[in-house]
Amino acid sequence: MSIFTPIPAPLRFADPVTLIATWFGSGLLPKAPGTWGSLAALPPAFLLAWFGGAPALVMGAALAFVLGIPAAARYAAALGRDDPSEIVIDEVAAQWLVLAALPLTPLAWLIGFLLFRFFDVVKPWPVSLADRRLKGGPGIMTDDMVAAAYAILVILLLRHFTGMP
């Protein structure tokens, strides 16, 4: 018996749709796949930030978003569900966007990670609205980007009121 979530029958692990949608299988890990996906986003985010700074993270987030829409749509359709939890490319794109607003330090990235996970799990309005109303690949991807916007807003407020870099 495997600890991983089974892959839908028409897809295989090596299928680009599966690799992108589950972020190389991180979304197939049990319990809290969104958190696993966000964690799996950190090493490539570090490389993007190290070599290209915030612009590289923003471009990476945009590319993940654009590639994530069809991958999430096809993976969800293969499973026959609206927003399967093992699809985590949305967390990757949103996490990278949040990290682009922060300096490359462990504490700043921990704050960015925790803020994004908080808003993604709690889903305050309009995150919850996007989650309910938008369907298919765009819906899967968009609610996380709105959660990222909330996290970035809190980061900007923290910078303004506390002097956080």
C-alpha atoms as a PDB file:
ATOM      1  CA  MET A   1       0.000   0.000   0.000  1.00  0.00           C
ATOM      2  CA  SER A   2       1.369   3.402  -0.988  1.00  0.00           C
ATOM      3  CA  ILE A   3       1.241   6.508   1.180  1.00  0.00           C
ATOM      4  CA  PHE A   4       0.772   8.588  -1.958  1.00  0.00           C
ATOM      5  CA  THR A   5      -2.586   9.572  -3.422  1.00  0.00           C
ATOM      6  CA  PRO A   6      -3.316   7.464  -6.527  1.00  0.00           C
ATOM      7  CA  ILE A   7      -2.894   9.148  -9.898  1.00  0.00           C
ATOM      8  CA  PRO A   8      -6.002   9.236 -12.127  1.00  0.00           C
ATOM      9  CA  ALA A   9      -6.123   6.286 -14.552  1.00  0.00           C
ATOM     10  CA  PRO A  10      -5.753   8.231 -17.826  1.00  0.00           C
ATOM     11  CA  LEU A  11      -2.603   9.907 -16.463  1.00  0.00           C
ATOM     12  CA  ARG A  12       0.745   8.547 -15.316  1.00  0.00           C
ATOM     13  CA  PHE A  13       3.296  10.056 -12.958  1.00  0.00           C
ATOM     14  CA  ALA A  14       5.666  10.899 -15.825  1.00  0.00           C
ATOM     15  CA  ASP A  15       2.885  12.712 -17.712  1.00  0.00           C
ATOM     16  CA  PRO A  16       3.703  16.450 -17.798  1.00  0.00           C
ATOM     17  CA  VAL A  17       0.139  17.177 -16.639  1.00  0.00           C
ATOM     18  CA  THR A  18       0.704  15.137 -13.477  1.00  0.00           C
ATOM     19  CA  LEU A  19       4.198  16.507 -12.872  1.00  0.00           C
ATOM     20  CA  ILE A  20       3.021  20.114 -13.178  1.00  0.00           C
ATOM     21  CA  ALA A  21      -0.330  19.768 -11.397  1.00  0.00           C
ATOM     22  CA  THR A  22       1.140  17.873  -8.430  1.00  0.00           C
ATOM     23  CA  TRP A  23       4.431  19.778  -8.511  1.00  0.00           C
ATOM     24  CA  PHE A  24       6.542  16.698  -9.135  1.00  0.00           C
ATOM     25  CA  GLY A  25       4.455  14.569  -6.785  1.00  0.00           C
ATOM     26  CA  SER A  26       4.550  16.797  -3.710  1.00  0.00           C
ATOM     27  CA  GLY A  27       0.761  17.130  -3.833  1.00  0.00           C
ATOM     28  CA  LEU A  28       0.448  13.360  -3.670  1.00  0.00           C
ATOM     29  CA  LEU A  29       1.857  13.273  -0.134  1.00  0.00           C
ATOM     30  CA  PRO A  30      -0.731  12.535   2.563  1.00  0.00           C
ATOM     31  CA  LYS A  31      -2.263  15.137   4.869  1.00  0.00           C
ATOM     32  CA  ALA A  32      -2.067  18.814   3.964  1.00  0.00           C
ATOM     33  CA  PRO A  33      -0.977  18.530   0.310  1.00  0.00           C
ATOM     34  CA  GLY A  34      -1.171  22.325  -0.060  1.00  0.00           C
ATOM     35  CA  THR A  35       1.429  22.715   2.659  1.00  0.00           C
ATOM     36  CA  TRP A  36       3.625  20.056   1.005  1.00  0.00           C
ATOM     37  CA  GLY A  37       3.274  21.892  -2.306  1.00  0.00           C
ATOM     38  CA  SER A  38       4.199  25.215  -0.690  1.00  0.00           C
ATOM     39  CA  LEU A  39       7.220  23.586   0.971  1.00  0.00           C
ATOM     40  CA  ALA A  40       8.278  21.969  -2.306  1.00  0.00           C
ATOM     41  CA  ALA A  41       8.105  25.404  -3.922  1.00  0.00           C
ATOM     42  CA  LEU A  42      10.822  26.767  -1.620  1.00  0.00           C
ATOM     43  CA  PRO A  43      14.014  25.180  -3.054  1.00  0.00           C
ATOM     44  CA  PRO A  44      13.355  26.331  -6.635  1.00  0.00           C
ATOM     45  CA  ALA A  45      12.202  29.691  -5.248  1.00  0.00           C
ATOM     46  CA  PHE A  46      15.543  30.027  -3.502  1.00  0.00           C
ATOM     47  CA  LEU A  47      17.364  29.372  -6.784  1.00  0.00           C
ATOM     48  CA  LEU A  48      15.168  31.844  -8.649  1.00  0.00           C
ATOM     49  CA  ALA A  49      15.694  34.505  -5.968  1.00  0.00           C
ATOM     50  CA  TRP A  50      19.434  33.849  -5.684  1.00  0.00           C
ATOM     51  CA  PHE A  51      20.105  34.118  -9.395  1.00  0.00           C
ATOM     52  CA  GLY A  52      17.411  36.550 -10.526  1.00  0.00           C
ATOM     53  CA  GLY A  53      15.928  38.232  -7.461  1.00  0.00           C
ATOM     54  CA  ALA A  54      12.301  39.256  -7.165  1.00  0.00           C
ATOM     55  CA  PRO A  55      11.813  39.654 -10.950  1.00  0.00           C
ATOM     56  CA  ALA A  56      12.739  35.989 -11.472  1.00  0.00           C
ATOM     57  CA  LEU A  57      10.279  34.928  -8.773  1.00  0.00           C
ATOM     58  CA  VAL A  58       7.506  36.995 -10.355  1.00  0.00           C
ATOM     59  CA  MET A  59       8.279  35.561 -13.793  1.00  0.00           C
ATOM     60  CA  GLY A  60       8.391  32.059 -12.313  1.00  0.00           C
ATOM     61  CA  ALA A  61       5.041  32.634 -10.611  1.00  0.00           C
ATOM     62  CA  ALA A  62       3.541  33.885 -13.882  1.00  0.00           C
ATOM     63  CA  LEU A  63       4.878  30.867 -15.779  1.00  0.00           C
ATOM     64  CA  ALA A  64       3.608  28.461 -13.097  1.00  0.00           C
ATOM     65  CA  PHE A  65       0.212  30.191 -13.246  1.00  0.00           C
ATOM     66  CA  VAL A  66      -0.006  29.969 -17.046  1.00  0.00           C
ATOM     67  CA  LEU A  67       1.167  26.336 -17.170  1.00  0.00           C
ATOM     68  CA  GLY A  68      -0.938  25.488 -14.130  1.00  0.00           C
ATOM     69  CA  ILE A  69      -4.265  26.422 -15.696  1.00  0.00           C
ATOM     70  CA  PRO A  70      -4.332  23.673 -18.366  1.00  0.00           C
ATOM     71  CA  ALA A  71      -2.475  21.150 -16.179  1.00  0.00           C
ATOM     72  CA  ALA A  72      -4.904  21.643 -13.276  1.00  0.00           C
ATOM     73  CA  ALA A  73      -7.893  21.513 -15.626  1.00  0.00           C
ATOM     74  CA  ARG A  74      -6.762  18.257 -17.256  1.00  0.00           C
ATOM     75  CA  TYR A  75      -5.793  16.622 -13.961  1.00  0.00           C
ATOM     76  CA  ALA A  76      -9.105  17.585 -12.317  1.00  0.00           C
ATOM     77  CA  ALA A  77     -11.062  16.368 -15.359  1.00  0.00           C
ATOM     78  CA  ALA A  78      -9.201  13.044 -15.301  1.00  0.00           C
ATOM     79  CA  LEU A  79     -10.147  12.645 -11.652  1.00  0.00           C
ATOM     80  CA  GLY A  80     -13.704  13.900 -12.175  1.00  0.00           C
ATOM     81  CA  ARG A  81     -13.464  16.465  -9.359  1.00  0.00           C
ATOM     82  CA  ASP A  82     -13.553  20.277  -9.351  1.00  0.00           C
ATOM     83  CA  ASP A  83     -10.430  21.003  -7.285  1.00  0.00           C
ATOM     84  CA  PRO A  84      -8.552  17.888  -6.158  1.00  0.00           C
ATOM     85  CA  SER A  85      -6.335  18.593  -3.172  1.00  0.00           C
ATOM     86  CA  GLU A  86      -3.321  16.968  -4.819  1.00  0.00           C
ATOM     87  CA  ILE A  87      -3.174  19.790  -7.378  1.00  0.00           C
ATOM     88  CA  VAL A  88      -0.603  22.114  -5.820  1.00  0.00           C
ATOM     89  CA  ILE A  89       0.774  24.094  -8.762  1.00  0.00           C
ATOM     90  CA  ASP A  90      -1.543  26.863  -7.537  1.00  0.00           C
ATOM     91  CA  GLU A  91       0.307  26.921  -4.204  1.00  0.00           C
ATOM     92  CA  VAL A  92       3.643  27.028  -6.019  1.00  0.00           C
ATOM     93  CA  ALA A  93       2.702  30.034  -8.162  1.00  0.00           C
ATOM     94  CA  ALA A  94       1.196  31.917  -5.228  1.00  0.00           C
ATOM     95  CA  GLN A  95       4.042  31.069  -2.834  1.00  0.00           C
ATOM     96  CA  TRP A  96       6.603  32.368  -5.323  1.00  0.00           C
ATOM     97  CA  LEU A  97       4.641  35.590  -5.716  1.00  0.00           C
ATOM     98  CA  VAL A  98       4.601  36.125  -1.942  1.00  0.00           C
ATOM     99  CA  LEU A  99       8.326  35.404  -1.657  1.00  0.00           C
ATOM    100  CA  ALA A 100       9.045  37.979  -4.380  1.00  0.00           C
ATOM    101  CA  ALA A 101       7.849  40.641  -1.931  1.00  0.00           C
ATOM    102  CA  LEU A 102      10.404  39.600   0.683  1.00  0.00           C
ATOM    103  CA  PRO A 103      14.158  39.722   1.179  1.00  0.00           C
ATOM    104  CA  LEU A 104      15.995  36.429   0.828  1.00  0.00           C
ATOM    105  CA  THR A 105      16.318  35.699   4.558  1.00  0.00           C
ATOM    106  CA  PRO A 106      15.088  32.678   6.507  1.00  0.00           C
ATOM    107  CA  LEU A 107      12.873  34.715   8.851  1.00  0.00           C
ATOM    108  CA  ALA A 108      11.286  36.745   6.054  1.00  0.00           C
ATOM    109  CA  TRP A 109      10.586  33.603   4.024  1.00  0.00           C
ATOM    110  CA  LEU A 110       9.147  31.827   7.063  1.00  0.00           C
ATOM    111  CA  ILE A 111       6.786  34.771   7.590  1.00  0.00           C
ATOM    112  CA  GLY A 112       5.829  34.720   3.890  1.00  0.00           C
ATOM    113  CA  PHE A 113       5.252  30.973   3.969  1.00  0.00           C
ATOM    114  CA  LEU A 114       3.084  31.144   7.104  1.00  0.00           C
ATOM    115  CA  LEU A 115       1.065  34.138   5.889  1.00  0.00           C
ATOM    116  CA  PHE A 116       0.319  32.513   2.555  1.00  0.00           C
ATOM    117  CA  ARG A 117      -0.655  29.203   4.149  1.00  0.00           C
ATOM    118  CA  PHE A 118      -2.908  31.059   6.621  1.00  0.00           C
ATOM    119  CA  PHE A 119      -4.820  32.943   3.914  1.00  0.00           C
ATOM    120  CA  ASP A 120      -4.975  29.887   1.655  1.00  0.00           C
ATOM    121  CA  VAL A 121      -6.490  27.745   4.433  1.00  0.00           C
ATOM    122  CA  VAL A 122      -8.786  30.371   6.015  1.00  0.00           C
ATOM    123  CA  LYS A 123      -9.939  31.750   2.631  1.00  0.00           C
ATOM    124  CA  PRO A 124     -11.265  35.171   3.681  1.00  0.00           C
ATOM    125  CA  TRP A 125     -13.455  37.021   1.198  1.00  0.00           C
ATOM    126  CA  PRO A 126     -12.739  37.360  -1.800  1.00  0.00           C
ATOM    127  CA  VAL A 127     -10.525  34.237  -1.676  1.00  0.00           C
ATOM    128  CA  SER A 128     -13.604  32.215  -0.727  1.00  0.00           C
ATOM    129  CA  LEU A 129     -15.595  33.868  -3.520  1.00  0.00           C
ATOM    130  CA  ALA A 130     -12.972  32.946  -6.123  1.00  0.00           C
ATOM    131  CA  ASP A 131     -12.827  29.430  -4.674  1.00  0.00           C
ATOM    132  CA  ARG A 132     -16.620  28.988  -5.012  1.00  0.00           C
ATOM    133  CA  ARG A 133     -17.377  30.846  -8.233  1.00  0.00           C
ATOM    134  CA  LEU A 134     -14.469  30.205 -10.571  1.00  0.00           C
ATOM    135  CA  LYS A 135     -14.298  26.719 -12.019  1.00  0.00           C
ATOM    136  CA  GLY A 136     -11.796  24.632 -13.946  1.00  0.00           C
ATOM    137  CA  GLY A 137      -8.126  25.475 -14.266  1.00  0.00           C
ATOM    138  CA  PRO A 138      -8.576  29.244 -13.827  1.00  0.00           C
ATOM    139  CA  GLY A 139     -10.602  28.702 -10.649  1.00  0.00           C
ATOM    140  CA  ILE A 140      -8.080  26.287  -9.188  1.00  0.00           C
ATOM    141  CA  MET A 141      -5.269  28.774  -9.791  1.00  0.00           C
ATOM    142  CA  THR A 142      -6.963  32.088  -8.975  1.00  0.00           C
ATOM    143  CA  ASP A 143      -8.072  31.630  -5.363  1.00  0.00           C
ATOM    144  CA  ASP A 144      -4.466  30.980  -4.325  1.00  0.00           C
ATOM    145  CA  MET A 145      -3.287  34.105  -6.116  1.00  0.00           C
ATOM    146  CA  VAL A 146      -5.882  36.121  -4.180  1.00  0.00           C
ATOM    147  CA  ALA A 147      -4.611  34.510  -0.951  1.00  0.00           C
ATOM    148  CA  ALA A 148      -1.103  35.552  -2.046  1.00  0.00           C
ATOM    149  CA  ALA A 149      -2.338  39.131  -2.485  1.00  0.00           C
ATOM    150  CA  TYR A 150      -3.599  39.101   1.117  1.00  0.00           C
ATOM    151  CA  ALA A 151      -0.231  37.801   2.342  1.00  0.00           C
ATOM    152  CA  ILE A 152       1.607  40.497   0.371  1.00  0.00           C
ATOM    153  CA  LEU A 153      -0.711  43.172   1.786  1.00  0.00           C
ATOM    154  CA  VAL A 154       0.113  42.034   5.329  1.00  0.00           C
ATOM    155  CA  ILE A 155       3.821  42.024   4.453  1.00  0.00           C
ATOM    156  CA  LEU A 156       3.565  45.605   3.182  1.00  0.00           C
ATOM    157  CA  LEU A 157       1.712  46.645   6.346  1.00  0.00           C
ATOM    158  CA  LEU A 158       4.344  44.951   8.523  1.00  0.00           C
ATOM    159  CA  ARG A 159       7.059  46.793   6.627  1.00  0.00           C
ATOM    160  CA  HIS A 160       5.287  50.094   7.048  1.00  0.00           C
ATOM    161  CA  PHE A 161       4.472  49.772  10.742  1.00  0.00           C
ATOM    162  CA  THR A 162       7.405  47.731  12.040  1.00  0.00           C
ATOM    163  CA  GLY A 163      10.260  48.597   9.713  1.00  0.00           C
ATOM    164  CA  MET A 164      10.614  44.980   8.653  1.00  0.00           C
ATOM    165  CA  PRO A 165      12.864  44.903   5.558  1.00  0.00           C
END
